Amino acid sequence: MYRIMLVEDDRELGETIKSLLTLKGYDVTLIGSVKEYNKHTEVYDMYLLDVKLPMEMASRYVKKIRHNLDAQSYL
């Protein structure tokens, strides 16, 4: 099963997106903060980040994701 980490600080919107992706057969983990993200050590197949995350928060995610991946990253 394809595993997705969804980073969305708006919990209601995140739950809606998670539900839609789950209905399509994806295994989705919803993360709403850097603190929550730091608890996860697994590597996912895809990372979906909210484009309106505060810049400091977004850059922390991207740095950690890039550190954990061998794959090419696109922003």
N, C-alpha and C. Protein backbone atom coordinates (compact mmCIF):
# COMPACT_ATOMS: atom_id res chain seq x y z
N MET A 1 0.84 -1.18 0.00
CA MET A 1 0.00 0.00 0.00
C MET A 1 0.89 1.25 0.00
N TYR A 2 0.51 2.22 -0.75
CA TYR A 2 1.24 3.48 -0.88
C TYR A 2 1.04 4.30 0.39
N ARG A 3 2.13 4.73 1.03
CA ARG A 3 2.05 5.47 2.29
C ARG A 3 2.32 6.95 2.07
N ILE A 4 1.44 7.78 2.60
CA ILE A 4 1.53 9.23 2.43
C ILE A 4 1.55 9.91 3.79
N MET A 5 2.46 10.85 3.96
CA MET A 5 2.43 11.73 5.12
C MET A 5 1.84 13.05 4.64
N LEU A 6 0.75 13.45 5.27
CA LEU A 6 0.07 14.70 4.95
C LEU A 6 0.36 15.70 6.06
N VAL A 7 0.95 16.82 5.71
CA VAL A 7 1.26 17.88 6.68
C VAL A 7 0.30 19.03 6.44
N GLU A 8 -0.63 19.21 7.38
CA GLU A 8 -1.66 20.24 7.26
C GLU A 8 -1.98 20.77 8.65
N ASP A 9 -1.76 22.06 8.87
CA ASP A 9 -2.00 22.62 10.21
C ASP A 9 -3.47 22.95 10.48
N ASP A 10 -4.30 22.93 9.45
CA ASP A 10 -5.75 23.09 9.63
C ASP A 10 -6.32 21.67 9.79
N ARG A 11 -6.63 21.29 11.03
CA ARG A 11 -7.02 19.92 11.33
C ARG A 11 -8.26 19.47 10.54
N GLU A 12 -9.26 20.33 10.42
CA GLU A 12 -10.48 19.95 9.69
C GLU A 12 -10.18 19.65 8.22
N LEU A 13 -9.42 20.53 7.59
CA LEU A 13 -9.05 20.32 6.19
C LEU A 13 -8.19 19.07 6.06
N GLY A 14 -7.25 18.88 6.97
CA GLY A 14 -6.40 17.71 6.95
C GLY A 14 -7.19 16.41 7.04
N GLU A 15 -8.18 16.38 7.93
CA GLU A 15 -9.02 15.19 8.08
C GLU A 15 -9.82 14.91 6.82
N THR A 16 -10.28 15.98 6.17
CA THR A 16 -11.04 15.81 4.92
C THR A 16 -10.15 15.22 3.83
N ILE A 17 -8.96 15.77 3.66
CA ILE A 17 -8.02 15.27 2.65
C ILE A 17 -7.63 13.82 2.96
N LYS A 18 -7.36 13.56 4.24
CA LYS A 18 -6.99 12.21 4.66
C LYS A 18 -8.10 11.22 4.31
N SER A 19 -9.34 11.59 4.60
CA SER A 19 -10.48 10.71 4.31
C SER A 19 -10.59 10.41 2.81
N LEU A 20 -10.42 11.44 1.99
CA LEU A 20 -10.50 11.25 0.54
C LEU A 20 -9.39 10.33 0.03
N LEU A 21 -8.18 10.53 0.52
CA LEU A 21 -7.06 9.70 0.09
C LEU A 21 -7.22 8.26 0.59
N THR A 22 -7.73 8.11 1.80
CA THR A 22 -7.96 6.78 2.35
C THR A 22 -9.00 6.03 1.52
N LEU A 23 -10.05 6.74 1.10
CA LEU A 23 -11.07 6.11 0.24
C LEU A 23 -10.48 5.62 -1.07
N LYS A 24 -9.42 6.27 -1.52
CA LYS A 24 -8.75 5.87 -2.77
C LYS A 24 -7.73 4.75 -2.54
N GLY A 25 -7.60 4.30 -1.28
CA GLY A 25 -6.72 3.17 -1.00
C GLY A 25 -5.35 3.50 -0.45
N TYR A 26 -5.10 4.74 -0.12
CA TYR A 26 -3.80 5.13 0.42
C TYR A 26 -3.79 5.03 1.94
N ASP A 27 -2.62 4.75 2.49
CA ASP A 27 -2.40 4.74 3.93
C ASP A 27 -1.86 6.12 4.28
N VAL A 28 -2.66 6.94 4.97
CA VAL A 28 -2.32 8.35 5.20
C VAL A 28 -2.08 8.61 6.68
N THR A 29 -0.97 9.28 6.98
CA THR A 29 -0.68 9.77 8.31
C THR A 29 -0.79 11.28 8.27
N LEU A 30 -1.66 11.84 9.11
CA LEU A 30 -1.87 13.29 9.16
C LEU A 30 -1.04 13.88 10.28
N ILE A 31 -0.25 14.88 9.93
CA ILE A 31 0.61 15.59 10.88
C ILE A 31 0.22 17.06 10.86
N GLY A 32 0.07 17.66 12.05
CA GLY A 32 -0.36 19.05 12.11
C GLY A 32 0.67 20.00 12.67
N SER A 33 1.82 19.47 13.11
CA SER A 33 2.83 20.36 13.70
C SER A 33 4.21 19.73 13.57
N VAL A 34 5.23 20.55 13.74
CA VAL A 34 6.61 20.06 13.71
C VAL A 34 6.81 19.08 14.86
N LYS A 35 6.22 19.38 16.00
CA LYS A 35 6.35 18.50 17.17
C LYS A 35 5.82 17.10 16.85
N GLU A 36 4.67 17.02 16.21
CA GLU A 36 4.12 15.73 15.80
C GLU A 36 5.03 15.05 14.79
N TYR A 37 5.52 15.81 13.83
CA TYR A 37 6.38 15.25 12.78
C TYR A 37 7.63 14.63 13.38
N ASN A 38 8.20 15.28 14.38
CA ASN A 38 9.44 14.79 14.98
C ASN A 38 9.27 13.43 15.66
N LYS A 39 8.04 13.04 15.96
CA LYS A 39 7.77 11.74 16.57
C LYS A 39 7.82 10.60 15.56
N HIS A 40 7.76 10.92 14.28
CA HIS A 40 7.72 9.90 13.23
C HIS A 40 9.10 9.67 12.65
N THR A 41 9.50 8.42 12.61
CA THR A 41 10.82 8.08 12.08
C THR A 41 10.71 7.29 10.77
N GLU A 42 9.49 6.87 10.42
CA GLU A 42 9.32 6.09 9.20
C GLU A 42 9.54 6.96 7.95
N VAL A 43 9.88 6.29 6.86
CA VAL A 43 10.00 6.97 5.58
C VAL A 43 8.73 6.64 4.79
N TYR A 44 8.12 7.65 4.21
CA TYR A 44 6.88 7.49 3.46
C TYR A 44 7.17 7.52 1.96
N ASP A 45 6.20 7.07 1.19
CA ASP A 45 6.33 7.09 -0.27
C ASP A 45 6.13 8.49 -0.82
N MET A 46 5.30 9.28 -0.14
CA MET A 46 5.00 10.63 -0.59
C MET A 46 4.76 11.52 0.62
N TYR A 47 5.17 12.78 0.49
CA TYR A 47 4.93 13.78 1.52
C TYR A 47 4.14 14.91 0.87
N LEU A 48 2.97 15.20 1.42
CA LEU A 48 2.14 16.31 0.94
C LEU A 48 2.17 17.40 1.99
N LEU A 49 2.70 18.56 1.63
CA LEU A 49 2.81 19.67 2.57
C LEU A 49 1.89 20.81 2.16
N ASP A 50 1.25 21.40 3.13
CA ASP A 50 0.42 22.57 2.94
C ASP A 50 1.29 23.71 2.42
N VAL A 51 0.93 24.30 1.28
CA VAL A 51 1.74 25.37 0.70
C VAL A 51 1.67 26.66 1.52
N LYS A 52 0.70 26.75 2.42
CA LYS A 52 0.57 27.96 3.24
C LYS A 52 1.11 27.78 4.65
N LEU A 53 1.93 26.75 4.86
CA LEU A 53 2.57 26.61 6.16
C LEU A 53 3.49 27.79 6.39
N PRO A 54 3.61 28.25 7.63
CA PRO A 54 4.59 29.31 7.90
C PRO A 54 5.97 28.86 7.41
N MET A 55 6.73 29.77 6.83
CA MET A 55 8.01 29.44 6.19
C MET A 55 8.94 28.67 7.11
N GLU A 56 9.05 29.08 8.35
CA GLU A 56 9.95 28.40 9.28
C GLU A 56 9.53 26.95 9.48
N MET A 57 8.23 26.72 9.60
CA MET A 57 7.72 25.37 9.78
C MET A 57 7.95 24.54 8.52
N ALA A 58 7.66 25.09 7.37
CA ALA A 58 7.83 24.37 6.10
C ALA A 58 9.29 24.00 5.87
N SER A 59 10.19 24.92 6.15
CA SER A 59 11.61 24.62 5.90
C SER A 59 12.12 23.51 6.81
N ARG A 60 11.60 23.41 8.02
CA ARG A 60 11.99 22.31 8.92
C ARG A 60 11.54 20.97 8.35
N TYR A 61 10.32 20.92 7.84
CA TYR A 61 9.82 19.68 7.24
C TYR A 61 10.67 19.27 6.06
N VAL A 62 10.90 20.21 5.17
CA VAL A 62 11.63 19.90 3.95
C VAL A 62 13.05 19.42 4.27
N LYS A 63 13.72 20.07 5.20
CA LYS A 63 15.07 19.65 5.58
C LYS A 63 15.08 18.24 6.14
N LYS A 64 14.13 17.94 7.01
CA LYS A 64 14.09 16.61 7.61
C LYS A 64 13.71 15.56 6.57
N ILE A 65 12.77 15.87 5.70
CA ILE A 65 12.38 14.92 4.65
C ILE A 65 13.56 14.63 3.73
N ARG A 66 14.23 15.67 3.30
CA ARG A 66 15.39 15.47 2.42
C ARG A 66 16.47 14.65 3.09
N HIS A 67 16.65 14.86 4.38
CA HIS A 67 17.66 14.11 5.14
C HIS A 67 17.33 12.61 5.16
N ASN A 68 16.05 12.30 5.20
CA ASN A 68 15.60 10.91 5.32
C ASN A 68 15.41 10.20 3.99
N LEU A 69 15.51 10.90 2.89
CA LEU A 69 15.24 10.29 1.60
C LEU A 69 16.47 10.17 0.73
N ASP A 70 16.50 9.11 -0.02
CA ASP A 70 17.53 8.95 -1.04
C ASP A 70 17.01 9.44 -2.38
N ALA A 71 15.72 9.64 -2.47
CA ALA A 71 15.09 10.05 -3.72
C ALA A 71 15.29 11.53 -4.00
N GLN A 72 15.07 11.90 -5.25
CA GLN A 72 15.13 13.29 -5.67
C GLN A 72 13.99 14.07 -5.04
N SER A 73 14.22 15.31 -4.64
CA SER A 73 13.18 16.14 -4.06
C SER A 73 12.84 17.27 -5.01
N TYR A 74 11.57 17.59 -5.09
CA TYR A 74 11.09 18.70 -5.93
C TYR A 74 10.24 19.62 -5.09
N LEU A 75 10.46 20.93 -5.23
CA LEU A 75 9.68 21.92 -4.51
C LEU A 75 8.93 22.78 -5.48
